[in-house]
Amino acid sequence: MFHRRSMLKWISGALGTASAAVVTLPGGHFLAEALRARRSKAIVQRVARLRDLSPGRPLQVAVVGSRRDAWTLYPEEVIGRVWLVRQPDEADERIGPPPSVAAFTAVCPHLGCTLQLAQPGGQFVCPCHRAEFALDGAPLAEPGRKSHAPRGMDALDCRLVRDSDDDDWWVEVTYEKFEQGLTNKVSKA
């Protein structure tokens, strides 16, 4: 036979357990996602045809991929931008080895602003604090002043691959994001 007090104890225990589950389940999911996010988020993507790159003239290309924001998945979104710089080379890629291409993130290593191409000088410039970078990614200092950038532009792994269908050379980049403000290049987890 149930007594009123034992029934109230049972109901309050059930409500307490339900309340704890409401807090614990999302908290556990949050911690599991944080631990899973520690893996590298680098993606490999073909970003441009080699024939679209002119030697010594940087080209900015978008990297498209999926992005997750809490519970929402955005399948095809621009997740970053890359500067490609084809090195001057006299060889014909149809005959000999293809020329080399350098790839850099378009994010300034100082504060994370998007680097732009300075037209007259042929170098990269940060619109936020006017730091300048050479076409090889090295920081340039103005006479009498030190560069604001703690390091050069962040280089990305890049390789040329030949497409089996149309026999064109493509630039394939391993895109990843890096921490800003540090003197060493550290991948964002």
N, C-alpha and C. Protein backbone atom coordinates (compact mmCIF):
# COMPACT_ATOMS: atom_id res chain seq x y z
N MET A 1 0.83 -1.17 0.00
CA MET A 1 0.00 0.00 0.00
C MET A 1 0.88 1.24 0.00
N PHE A 2 0.56 2.16 -0.93
CA PHE A 2 1.32 3.40 -1.05
C PHE A 2 0.85 4.41 -0.02
N HIS A 3 1.82 5.03 0.57
CA HIS A 3 1.51 6.16 1.44
C HIS A 3 1.82 7.43 0.70
N ARG A 4 1.20 8.44 1.12
CA ARG A 4 1.37 9.72 0.46
C ARG A 4 2.83 10.17 0.44
N ARG A 5 3.55 9.98 1.54
CA ARG A 5 4.94 10.40 1.63
C ARG A 5 5.83 9.58 0.70
N SER A 6 5.64 8.30 0.63
CA SER A 6 6.47 7.48 -0.24
C SER A 6 6.19 7.80 -1.71
N MET A 7 4.95 8.10 -2.03
CA MET A 7 4.63 8.49 -3.40
C MET A 7 5.28 9.83 -3.74
N LEU A 8 5.28 10.79 -2.83
CA LEU A 8 5.92 12.08 -3.07
C LEU A 8 7.43 11.92 -3.21
N LYS A 9 8.04 11.01 -2.42
CA LYS A 9 9.47 10.74 -2.55
C LYS A 9 9.77 10.16 -3.93
N TRP A 10 8.94 9.24 -4.36
CA TRP A 10 9.14 8.60 -5.66
C TRP A 10 8.99 9.64 -6.79
N ILE A 11 8.00 10.49 -6.74
CA ILE A 11 7.78 11.52 -7.76
C ILE A 11 8.91 12.54 -7.76
N SER A 12 9.35 12.99 -6.59
CA SER A 12 10.44 13.97 -6.53
C SER A 12 11.75 13.35 -7.02
N GLY A 13 11.99 12.06 -6.74
CA GLY A 13 13.19 11.37 -7.26
C GLY A 13 13.15 11.27 -8.77
N ALA A 14 11.99 10.96 -9.34
CA ALA A 14 11.84 10.87 -10.80
C ALA A 14 12.04 12.24 -11.44
N LEU A 15 11.49 13.28 -10.85
CA LEU A 15 11.67 14.64 -11.38
C LEU A 15 13.14 15.08 -11.28
N GLY A 16 13.80 14.73 -10.21
CA GLY A 16 15.23 15.06 -10.06
C GLY A 16 16.07 14.35 -11.10
N THR A 17 15.78 13.07 -11.34
CA THR A 17 16.51 12.31 -12.36
C THR A 17 16.26 12.89 -13.75
N ALA A 18 15.03 13.24 -14.05
CA ALA A 18 14.71 13.84 -15.36
C ALA A 18 15.42 15.18 -15.52
N SER A 19 15.44 15.98 -14.47
CA SER A 19 16.14 17.28 -14.53
C SER A 19 17.63 17.10 -14.77
N ALA A 20 18.23 16.12 -14.10
CA ALA A 20 19.66 15.86 -14.29
C ALA A 20 19.94 15.38 -15.72
N ALA A 21 19.04 14.57 -16.27
CA ALA A 21 19.23 14.08 -17.65
C ALA A 21 19.13 15.23 -18.65
N VAL A 22 18.22 16.17 -18.39
CA VAL A 22 18.06 17.32 -19.30
C VAL A 22 19.36 18.13 -19.36
N VAL A 23 20.08 18.23 -18.28
CA VAL A 23 21.34 18.97 -18.26
C VAL A 23 22.50 18.11 -18.73
N THR A 24 22.55 16.85 -18.33
CA THR A 24 23.70 15.98 -18.60
C THR A 24 23.80 15.57 -20.06
N LEU A 25 22.72 15.23 -20.71
CA LEU A 25 22.78 14.76 -22.09
C LEU A 25 23.35 15.81 -23.06
N PRO A 26 22.86 17.04 -23.06
CA PRO A 26 23.48 18.04 -23.96
C PRO A 26 24.92 18.37 -23.55
N GLY A 27 25.19 18.38 -22.25
CA GLY A 27 26.55 18.63 -21.78
C GLY A 27 27.51 17.55 -22.24
N GLY A 28 27.08 16.31 -22.16
CA GLY A 28 27.91 15.19 -22.64
C GLY A 28 28.13 15.27 -24.13
N HIS A 29 27.10 15.64 -24.88
CA HIS A 29 27.24 15.80 -26.33
C HIS A 29 28.23 16.91 -26.66
N PHE A 30 28.15 18.02 -25.91
CA PHE A 30 29.08 19.14 -26.11
C PHE A 30 30.52 18.71 -25.87
N LEU A 31 30.77 17.97 -24.80
CA LEU A 31 32.13 17.51 -24.50
C LEU A 31 32.63 16.52 -25.55
N ALA A 32 31.77 15.62 -26.00
CA ALA A 32 32.17 14.66 -27.04
C ALA A 32 32.53 15.38 -28.34
N GLU A 33 31.76 16.39 -28.71
CA GLU A 33 32.06 17.17 -29.93
C GLU A 33 33.39 17.92 -29.77
N ALA A 34 33.65 18.46 -28.59
CA ALA A 34 34.89 19.18 -28.35
C ALA A 34 36.09 18.25 -28.49
N LEU A 35 35.97 17.03 -27.98
CA LEU A 35 37.06 16.07 -28.10
C LEU A 35 37.25 15.62 -29.55
N ARG A 36 36.17 15.46 -30.28
CA ARG A 36 36.25 15.07 -31.69
C ARG A 36 36.82 16.20 -32.54
N ALA A 37 36.58 17.45 -32.16
CA ALA A 37 37.04 18.60 -32.94
C ALA A 37 38.55 18.78 -32.85
N ARG A 38 39.23 18.11 -31.96
CA ARG A 38 40.67 18.25 -31.83
C ARG A 38 41.43 17.68 -33.02
N ARG A 39 40.77 16.84 -33.80
CA ARG A 39 41.42 16.31 -34.99
C ARG A 39 41.62 17.41 -36.01
N SER A 40 42.62 17.25 -36.85
CA SER A 40 42.91 18.24 -37.88
C SER A 40 41.73 18.37 -38.83
N LYS A 41 41.43 19.60 -39.22
CA LYS A 41 40.33 19.85 -40.12
C LYS A 41 40.83 20.19 -41.52
N ALA A 42 41.98 19.69 -41.88
CA ALA A 42 42.55 19.95 -43.20
C ALA A 42 41.76 19.19 -44.25
N ILE A 43 41.51 19.86 -45.37
CA ILE A 43 40.83 19.21 -46.48
C ILE A 43 41.67 19.38 -47.74
N VAL A 44 41.64 18.38 -48.60
CA VAL A 44 42.37 18.43 -49.86
C VAL A 44 41.37 18.72 -50.97
N GLN A 45 41.69 19.72 -51.80
CA GLN A 45 40.74 20.12 -52.83
C GLN A 45 41.46 20.66 -54.05
N ARG A 46 40.98 20.31 -55.23
CA ARG A 46 41.46 20.92 -56.47
C ARG A 46 40.83 22.30 -56.56
N VAL A 47 41.67 23.31 -56.73
CA VAL A 47 41.15 24.67 -56.67
C VAL A 47 41.27 25.45 -57.98
N ALA A 48 42.21 25.08 -58.86
CA ALA A 48 42.38 25.84 -60.11
C ALA A 48 43.14 25.00 -61.13
N ARG A 49 42.89 25.31 -62.40
CA ARG A 49 43.68 24.71 -63.47
C ARG A 49 45.00 25.46 -63.57
N LEU A 50 46.05 24.75 -63.86
CA LEU A 50 47.37 25.38 -63.98
C LEU A 50 47.39 26.41 -65.10
N ARG A 51 46.69 26.15 -66.18
CA ARG A 51 46.68 27.09 -67.32
C ARG A 51 46.01 28.41 -66.98
N ASP A 52 45.22 28.46 -65.88
CA ASP A 52 44.58 29.71 -65.46
C ASP A 52 45.51 30.60 -64.64
N LEU A 53 46.69 30.08 -64.29
CA LEU A 53 47.65 30.85 -63.50
C LEU A 53 48.72 31.44 -64.40
N SER A 54 48.95 32.73 -64.28
CA SER A 54 50.03 33.38 -65.01
C SER A 54 51.25 33.45 -64.11
N PRO A 55 52.45 33.20 -64.63
CA PRO A 55 53.66 33.25 -63.80
C PRO A 55 53.82 34.62 -63.12
N GLY A 56 54.04 34.58 -61.81
CA GLY A 56 54.29 35.80 -61.05
C GLY A 56 53.06 36.64 -60.76
N ARG A 57 51.87 36.20 -61.17
CA ARG A 57 50.62 36.95 -60.91
C ARG A 57 49.73 36.12 -60.00
N PRO A 58 49.62 36.50 -58.73
CA PRO A 58 48.82 35.72 -57.79
C PRO A 58 47.34 35.67 -58.18
N LEU A 59 46.73 34.56 -57.86
CA LEU A 59 45.30 34.36 -58.10
C LEU A 59 44.67 33.88 -56.81
N GLN A 60 43.58 34.55 -56.41
CA GLN A 60 42.87 34.13 -55.20
C GLN A 60 41.73 33.21 -55.61
N VAL A 61 41.63 32.06 -54.94
CA VAL A 61 40.57 31.10 -55.20
C VAL A 61 39.87 30.74 -53.90
N ALA A 62 38.62 30.36 -54.02
CA ALA A 62 37.82 29.98 -52.85
C ALA A 62 37.94 28.48 -52.63
N VAL A 63 37.93 28.09 -51.36
CA VAL A 63 37.87 26.68 -50.97
C VAL A 63 36.46 26.44 -50.46
N VAL A 64 35.77 25.49 -51.08
CA VAL A 64 34.38 25.21 -50.75
C VAL A 64 34.31 23.88 -50.02
N GLY A 65 33.51 23.84 -48.97
CA GLY A 65 33.35 22.61 -48.21
C GLY A 65 32.15 22.71 -47.30
N SER A 66 31.99 21.72 -46.45
CA SER A 66 30.87 21.74 -45.52
C SER A 66 31.32 22.33 -44.18
N ARG A 67 30.39 23.00 -43.55
CA ARG A 67 30.64 23.63 -42.25
C ARG A 67 29.49 23.29 -41.33
N ARG A 68 29.82 22.95 -40.10
CA ARG A 68 28.79 22.64 -39.10
C ARG A 68 28.80 23.74 -38.05
N ASP A 69 27.59 24.26 -37.78
CA ASP A 69 27.41 25.28 -36.76
C ASP A 69 26.39 24.74 -35.78
N ALA A 70 26.86 24.27 -34.63
CA ALA A 70 26.02 23.60 -33.63
C ALA A 70 25.35 22.39 -34.27
N TRP A 71 24.05 22.45 -34.54
CA TRP A 71 23.37 21.30 -35.11
C TRP A 71 23.07 21.47 -36.59
N THR A 72 23.43 22.61 -37.17
CA THR A 72 23.12 22.89 -38.57
C THR A 72 24.33 22.58 -39.44
N LEU A 73 24.10 21.86 -40.53
CA LEU A 73 25.16 21.53 -41.47
C LEU A 73 24.96 22.35 -42.74
N TYR A 74 25.99 23.10 -43.14
CA TYR A 74 25.97 23.87 -44.37
C TYR A 74 26.85 23.11 -45.36
N PRO A 75 26.28 22.37 -46.33
CA PRO A 75 27.05 21.45 -47.16
C PRO A 75 28.00 22.11 -48.16
N GLU A 76 27.60 23.15 -48.83
CA GLU A 76 28.46 23.79 -49.85
C GLU A 76 28.60 25.26 -49.52
N GLU A 77 29.69 25.60 -48.83
CA GLU A 77 29.92 26.98 -48.42
C GLU A 77 31.40 27.31 -48.55
N VAL A 78 31.70 28.57 -48.83
CA VAL A 78 33.09 28.99 -48.87
C VAL A 78 33.63 28.95 -47.45
N ILE A 79 34.64 28.10 -47.23
CA ILE A 79 35.21 27.97 -45.88
C ILE A 79 36.57 28.65 -45.77
N GLY A 80 37.08 29.14 -46.88
CA GLY A 80 38.36 29.83 -46.85
C GLY A 80 38.76 30.29 -48.25
N ARG A 81 39.83 31.06 -48.28
CA ARG A 81 40.37 31.54 -49.56
C ARG A 81 41.88 31.30 -49.55
N VAL A 82 42.40 31.05 -50.75
CA VAL A 82 43.81 30.72 -50.92
C VAL A 82 44.40 31.58 -52.02
N TRP A 83 45.61 32.07 -51.80
CA TRP A 83 46.37 32.75 -52.85
C TRP A 83 47.30 31.73 -53.51
N LEU A 84 47.24 31.62 -54.82
CA LEU A 84 48.13 30.76 -55.59
C LEU A 84 49.10 31.63 -56.36
N VAL A 85 50.39 31.27 -56.32
CA VAL A 85 51.42 32.00 -57.04
C VAL A 85 52.21 31.01 -57.87
N ARG A 86 52.07 31.13 -59.19
CA ARG A 86 52.82 30.26 -60.10
C ARG A 86 54.20 30.86 -60.27
N GLN A 87 55.20 30.03 -60.07
CA GLN A 87 56.59 30.48 -60.18
C GLN A 87 56.95 30.64 -61.66
N PRO A 88 57.70 31.67 -62.00
CA PRO A 88 58.11 31.85 -63.40
C PRO A 88 58.93 30.65 -63.87
N ASP A 89 58.55 30.13 -65.04
CA ASP A 89 59.22 28.96 -65.58
C ASP A 89 59.03 28.97 -67.09
N GLU A 90 60.10 28.71 -67.80
CA GLU A 90 60.05 28.72 -69.25
C GLU A 90 59.59 27.39 -69.84
N ALA A 91 59.53 26.34 -69.03
CA ALA A 91 59.21 25.01 -69.55
C ALA A 91 57.74 24.93 -69.96
N ASP A 92 57.45 24.11 -70.95
CA ASP A 92 56.09 23.85 -71.40
C ASP A 92 55.58 22.64 -70.65
N GLU A 93 54.48 22.80 -69.87
CA GLU A 93 54.00 21.69 -69.04
C GLU A 93 53.49 20.51 -69.85
N ARG A 94 53.21 20.69 -71.14
CA ARG A 94 52.78 19.55 -71.96
C ARG A 94 53.96 18.63 -72.29
N ILE A 95 55.18 19.21 -72.28
CA ILE A 95 56.36 18.44 -72.67
C ILE A 95 57.14 17.97 -71.44
N GLY A 96 57.55 18.91 -70.62
CA GLY A 96 58.40 18.59 -69.47
C GLY A 96 57.62 18.62 -68.17
N PRO A 97 58.35 18.67 -67.06
CA PRO A 97 57.68 18.72 -65.76
C PRO A 97 56.95 20.05 -65.60
N PRO A 98 55.85 20.04 -64.89
CA PRO A 98 55.09 21.29 -64.71
C PRO A 98 55.84 22.25 -63.79
N PRO A 99 55.55 23.54 -63.91
CA PRO A 99 56.20 24.52 -63.03
C PRO A 99 55.69 24.37 -61.59
N SER A 100 56.37 25.01 -60.67
CA SER A 100 55.93 24.92 -59.28
C SER A 100 54.94 26.04 -58.96
N VAL A 101 54.06 25.75 -58.02
CA VAL A 101 53.04 26.70 -57.58
C VAL A 101 53.10 26.75 -56.06
N ALA A 102 53.06 27.96 -55.50
CA ALA A 102 53.01 28.14 -54.05
C ALA A 102 51.59 28.50 -53.66
N ALA A 103 51.13 28.00 -52.53
CA ALA A 103 49.79 28.30 -52.03
C ALA A 103 49.89 28.85 -50.61
N PHE A 104 49.14 29.92 -50.35
CA PHE A 104 49.12 30.57 -49.04
C PHE A 104 47.67 30.82 -48.64
N THR A 105 47.40 30.76 -47.34
CA THR A 105 46.06 31.15 -46.89
C THR A 105 45.93 32.65 -47.11
N ALA A 106 44.71 33.10 -47.33
CA ALA A 106 44.45 34.52 -47.55
C ALA A 106 44.19 35.23 -46.23
N VAL A 107 44.49 34.57 -45.12
CA VAL A 107 44.26 35.13 -43.78
C VAL A 107 45.57 35.67 -43.23
N CYS A 108 45.54 36.92 -42.78
CA CYS A 108 46.73 37.54 -42.19
C CYS A 108 47.07 36.83 -40.87
N PRO A 109 48.34 36.49 -40.65
CA PRO A 109 48.71 35.80 -39.41
C PRO A 109 48.68 36.70 -38.17
N HIS A 110 48.43 37.99 -38.35
CA HIS A 110 48.39 38.89 -37.21
C HIS A 110 47.02 38.88 -36.53
N LEU A 111 45.99 39.37 -37.25
CA LEU A 111 44.66 39.46 -36.65
C LEU A 111 43.58 38.70 -37.42
N GLY A 112 43.93 38.07 -38.51
CA GLY A 112 42.96 37.27 -39.24
C GLY A 112 42.20 38.01 -40.33
N CYS A 113 42.63 39.19 -40.70
CA CYS A 113 41.98 39.91 -41.81
C CYS A 113 42.34 39.23 -43.13
N THR A 114 41.53 39.45 -44.16
CA THR A 114 41.79 38.84 -45.46
C THR A 114 42.83 39.66 -46.22
N LEU A 115 43.93 39.01 -46.59
CA LEU A 115 45.00 39.68 -47.32
C LEU A 115 44.56 40.00 -48.74
N GLN A 116 44.98 41.17 -49.21
CA GLN A 116 44.64 41.61 -50.56
C GLN A 116 45.93 41.78 -51.36
N LEU A 117 45.76 41.89 -52.66
CA LEU A 117 46.91 42.09 -53.55
C LEU A 117 47.07 43.57 -53.81
N ALA A 118 48.26 44.11 -53.50
CA ALA A 118 48.55 45.52 -53.78
C ALA A 118 48.94 45.62 -55.26
N GLN A 119 48.17 46.34 -56.04
CA GLN A 119 48.36 46.38 -57.48
C GLN A 119 49.71 46.93 -57.92
N PRO A 120 50.12 48.12 -57.44
CA PRO A 120 51.37 48.65 -58.02
C PRO A 120 52.61 47.86 -57.62
N GLY A 121 52.66 47.33 -56.40
CA GLY A 121 53.88 46.69 -55.93
C GLY A 121 53.94 45.20 -56.18
N GLY A 122 52.82 44.58 -56.46
CA GLY A 122 52.82 43.14 -56.67
C GLY A 122 53.12 42.37 -55.40
N GLN A 123 52.64 42.85 -54.26
CA GLN A 123 52.80 42.13 -53.00
C GLN A 123 51.45 42.06 -52.31
N PHE A 124 51.40 41.29 -51.24
CA PHE A 124 50.17 41.16 -50.48
C PHE A 124 50.17 42.20 -49.37
N VAL A 125 48.98 42.70 -49.04
CA VAL A 125 48.86 43.70 -48.00
C VAL A 125 47.64 43.40 -47.15
N CYS A 126 47.78 43.64 -45.83
CA CYS A 126 46.67 43.46 -44.90
C CYS A 126 45.93 44.79 -44.78
N PRO A 127 44.63 44.84 -45.05
CA PRO A 127 43.90 46.11 -44.98
C PRO A 127 43.70 46.60 -43.54
N CYS A 128 43.88 45.74 -42.56
CA CYS A 128 43.64 46.13 -41.17
C CYS A 128 44.80 46.91 -40.56
N HIS A 129 46.04 46.49 -40.84
CA HIS A 129 47.17 47.15 -40.19
C HIS A 129 48.31 47.43 -41.16
N ARG A 130 48.07 47.28 -42.46
CA ARG A 130 49.00 47.64 -43.53
C ARG A 130 50.28 46.81 -43.54
N ALA A 131 50.28 45.64 -42.95
CA ALA A 131 51.45 44.76 -43.06
C ALA A 131 51.54 44.29 -44.50
N GLU A 132 52.76 44.16 -45.01
CA GLU A 132 52.97 43.75 -46.39
C GLU A 132 53.78 42.45 -46.43
N PHE A 133 53.50 41.65 -47.47
CA PHE A 133 54.16 40.37 -47.65
C PHE A 133 54.61 40.25 -49.10
N ALA A 134 55.77 39.64 -49.30
CA ALA A 134 56.27 39.40 -50.65
C ALA A 134 55.48 38.26 -51.28
N LEU A 135 55.67 38.05 -52.58
CA LEU A 135 54.96 36.98 -53.28
C LEU A 135 55.36 35.59 -52.79
N ASP A 136 56.48 35.49 -52.08
CA ASP A 136 56.86 34.20 -51.49
C ASP A 136 56.34 34.04 -50.06
N GLY A 137 55.52 35.01 -49.59
CA GLY A 137 54.91 34.94 -48.27
C GLY A 137 55.72 35.57 -47.15
N ALA A 138 56.93 36.02 -47.43
CA ALA A 138 57.79 36.61 -46.40
C ALA A 138 57.28 38.00 -46.01
N PRO A 139 57.32 38.35 -44.71
CA PRO A 139 56.87 39.68 -44.31
C PRO A 139 57.85 40.75 -44.78
N LEU A 140 57.29 41.87 -45.21
CA LEU A 140 58.10 43.01 -45.64
C LEU A 140 57.96 44.12 -44.61
N ALA A 141 59.06 44.70 -44.21
CA ALA A 141 59.02 45.80 -43.25
C ALA A 141 59.25 47.10 -43.99
N GLU A 142 58.49 48.12 -43.62
CA GLU A 142 58.71 49.44 -44.19
C GLU A 142 59.99 50.01 -43.59
N PRO A 143 60.71 50.85 -44.33
CA PRO A 143 61.94 51.43 -43.78
C PRO A 143 61.67 52.15 -42.45
N GLY A 144 62.42 51.77 -41.44
CA GLY A 144 62.29 52.40 -40.13
C GLY A 144 61.18 51.83 -39.26
N ARG A 145 60.43 50.85 -39.78
CA ARG A 145 59.34 50.27 -38.99
C ARG A 145 59.40 48.75 -39.04
N LYS A 146 58.96 48.14 -37.98
CA LYS A 146 58.89 46.67 -37.93
C LYS A 146 57.49 46.24 -38.39
N SER A 147 57.42 45.12 -39.08
CA SER A 147 56.14 44.61 -39.55
C SER A 147 55.28 44.19 -38.37
N HIS A 148 53.97 44.41 -38.47
CA HIS A 148 53.04 43.99 -37.42
C HIS A 148 52.86 42.47 -37.42
N ALA A 149 53.07 41.85 -38.55
CA ALA A 149 52.84 40.41 -38.67
C ALA A 149 53.87 39.63 -37.86
N PRO A 150 53.42 38.69 -37.03
CA PRO A 150 54.36 37.93 -36.20
C PRO A 150 55.15 36.88 -37.00
N ARG A 151 54.68 36.57 -38.22
CA ARG A 151 55.35 35.59 -39.08
C ARG A 151 54.92 35.86 -40.52
N GLY A 152 55.51 35.13 -41.43
CA GLY A 152 55.11 35.25 -42.83
C GLY A 152 53.75 34.64 -43.07
N MET A 153 53.28 34.76 -44.31
CA MET A 153 52.00 34.17 -44.67
C MET A 153 52.06 32.66 -44.46
N ASP A 154 50.93 32.07 -44.12
CA ASP A 154 50.88 30.64 -43.85
C ASP A 154 50.82 29.86 -45.16
N ALA A 155 51.91 29.15 -45.44
CA ALA A 155 51.98 28.34 -46.65
C ALA A 155 51.17 27.07 -46.47
N LEU A 156 50.57 26.61 -47.55
CA LEU A 156 49.78 25.38 -47.54
C LEU A 156 50.46 24.34 -48.42
N ASP A 157 50.25 23.08 -48.09
CA ASP A 157 50.75 22.02 -48.95
C ASP A 157 50.00 22.11 -50.27
N CYS A 158 50.76 22.01 -51.35
CA CYS A 158 50.19 22.20 -52.68
C CYS A 158 50.91 21.26 -53.64
N ARG A 159 50.15 20.69 -54.54
CA ARG A 159 50.78 19.83 -55.55
C ARG A 159 49.99 19.94 -56.85
N LEU A 160 50.66 19.57 -57.93
CA LEU A 160 50.02 19.56 -59.24
C LEU A 160 49.64 18.13 -59.59
N VAL A 161 48.41 17.96 -60.04
CA VAL A 161 47.93 16.63 -60.43
C VAL A 161 47.37 16.73 -61.85
N ARG A 162 47.58 15.67 -62.60
CA ARG A 162 47.09 15.63 -63.97
C ARG A 162 45.75 14.90 -64.00
N ASP A 163 44.75 15.54 -64.59
CA ASP A 163 43.43 14.95 -64.69
C ASP A 163 43.44 13.86 -65.76
N SER A 164 42.90 12.71 -65.44
CA SER A 164 42.92 11.59 -66.38
C SER A 164 41.91 11.78 -67.52
N ASP A 165 40.87 12.57 -67.30
CA ASP A 165 39.85 12.76 -68.33
C ASP A 165 40.28 13.73 -69.42
N ASP A 166 40.72 14.93 -69.02
CA ASP A 166 41.05 15.94 -70.04
C ASP A 166 42.54 16.24 -70.14
N ASP A 167 43.38 15.54 -69.38
CA ASP A 167 44.85 15.66 -69.44
C ASP A 167 45.35 17.05 -69.03
N ASP A 168 44.52 17.81 -68.30
CA ASP A 168 44.92 19.12 -67.79
C ASP A 168 45.62 18.97 -66.44
N TRP A 169 46.51 19.92 -66.14
CA TRP A 169 47.15 19.98 -64.82
C TRP A 169 46.26 20.81 -63.91
N TRP A 170 46.07 20.33 -62.69
CA TRP A 170 45.27 21.03 -61.68
C TRP A 170 46.14 21.30 -60.46
N VAL A 171 45.82 22.39 -59.76
CA VAL A 171 46.47 22.71 -58.49
C VAL A 171 45.59 22.14 -57.39
N GLU A 172 46.18 21.27 -56.57
CA GLU A 172 45.48 20.64 -55.45
C GLU A 172 46.10 21.16 -54.16
N VAL A 173 45.27 21.70 -53.28
CA VAL A 173 45.74 22.34 -52.06
C VAL A 173 45.19 21.60 -50.84
N THR A 174 46.03 21.43 -49.83
CA THR A 174 45.58 20.92 -48.53
C THR A 174 45.30 22.14 -47.67
N TYR A 175 44.01 22.47 -47.52
CA TYR A 175 43.61 23.69 -46.83
C TYR A 175 43.36 23.42 -45.35
N GLU A 176 43.92 24.30 -44.53
CA GLU A 176 43.65 24.27 -43.09
C GLU A 176 43.82 25.67 -42.54
N LYS A 177 43.26 25.88 -41.37
CA LYS A 177 43.32 27.19 -40.72
C LYS A 177 44.38 27.16 -39.63
N PHE A 178 44.98 28.35 -39.38
CA PHE A 178 46.05 28.46 -38.39
C PHE A 178 45.72 29.54 -37.37
N GLU A 179 46.31 29.40 -36.19
CA GLU A 179 46.11 30.39 -35.12
C GLU A 179 46.78 31.71 -35.51
N GLN A 180 46.12 32.82 -35.18
CA GLN A 180 46.69 34.14 -35.45
C GLN A 180 47.44 34.66 -34.22
N GLY A 181 48.37 35.57 -34.49
CA GLY A 181 49.09 36.25 -33.42
C GLY A 181 50.28 35.51 -32.86
N LEU A 182 50.55 34.30 -33.33
CA LEU A 182 51.68 33.53 -32.81
C LEU A 182 52.87 33.64 -33.76
N THR A 183 54.07 33.50 -33.23
CA THR A 183 55.26 33.57 -34.08
C THR A 183 55.49 32.28 -34.86
N ASN A 184 54.93 31.18 -34.37
CA ASN A 184 55.03 29.89 -35.08
C ASN A 184 53.68 29.53 -35.68
N LYS A 185 53.70 28.82 -36.79
CA LYS A 185 52.47 28.37 -37.46
C LYS A 185 51.92 27.17 -36.70
N VAL A 186 50.71 27.35 -36.10
CA VAL A 186 50.06 26.31 -35.32
C VAL A 186 48.66 26.09 -35.91
N SER A 187 48.37 24.85 -36.29
CA SER A 187 47.08 24.50 -36.88
C SER A 187 45.97 24.65 -35.85
N LYS A 188 44.82 25.21 -36.31
CA LYS A 188 43.66 25.30 -35.43
C LYS A 188 43.03 23.93 -35.32
N ALA A 189 42.68 23.55 -34.11
CA ALA A 189 42.05 22.24 -33.90
C ALA A 189 40.58 22.30 -34.18
